Amino acid sequence: MQTCSVTEFKDQVLGILEQIAETGEPVIVTEGGKAIVKVIPYGVQVSEDAEVPVPGKLNGTILEEVDIVSPL
């Protein structure tokens, strides 16, 4: 798996994206030596143990209390 710095990624983003699309190999972008993002080709199945955010997952879980003065 290839890695590159944020600066290198910014300078060569189109070439790196073409490479990812052609080879299917992900690229990890680092900042200060620490991995901050993994760029993967579209349509690649993410492993089942990876936590993937689901849009609307928290929908309906927040309660709105209209009268905050009266006891519950």
Foldseek 3Di string as FASTA:
>chain_A
DAEEEPVVCVVCVVVVLVVQQVPQDWYFYDYPNHTDDIDGDPPDDDDPVDDDDDPCPCPPVDDDDPDPPDDD
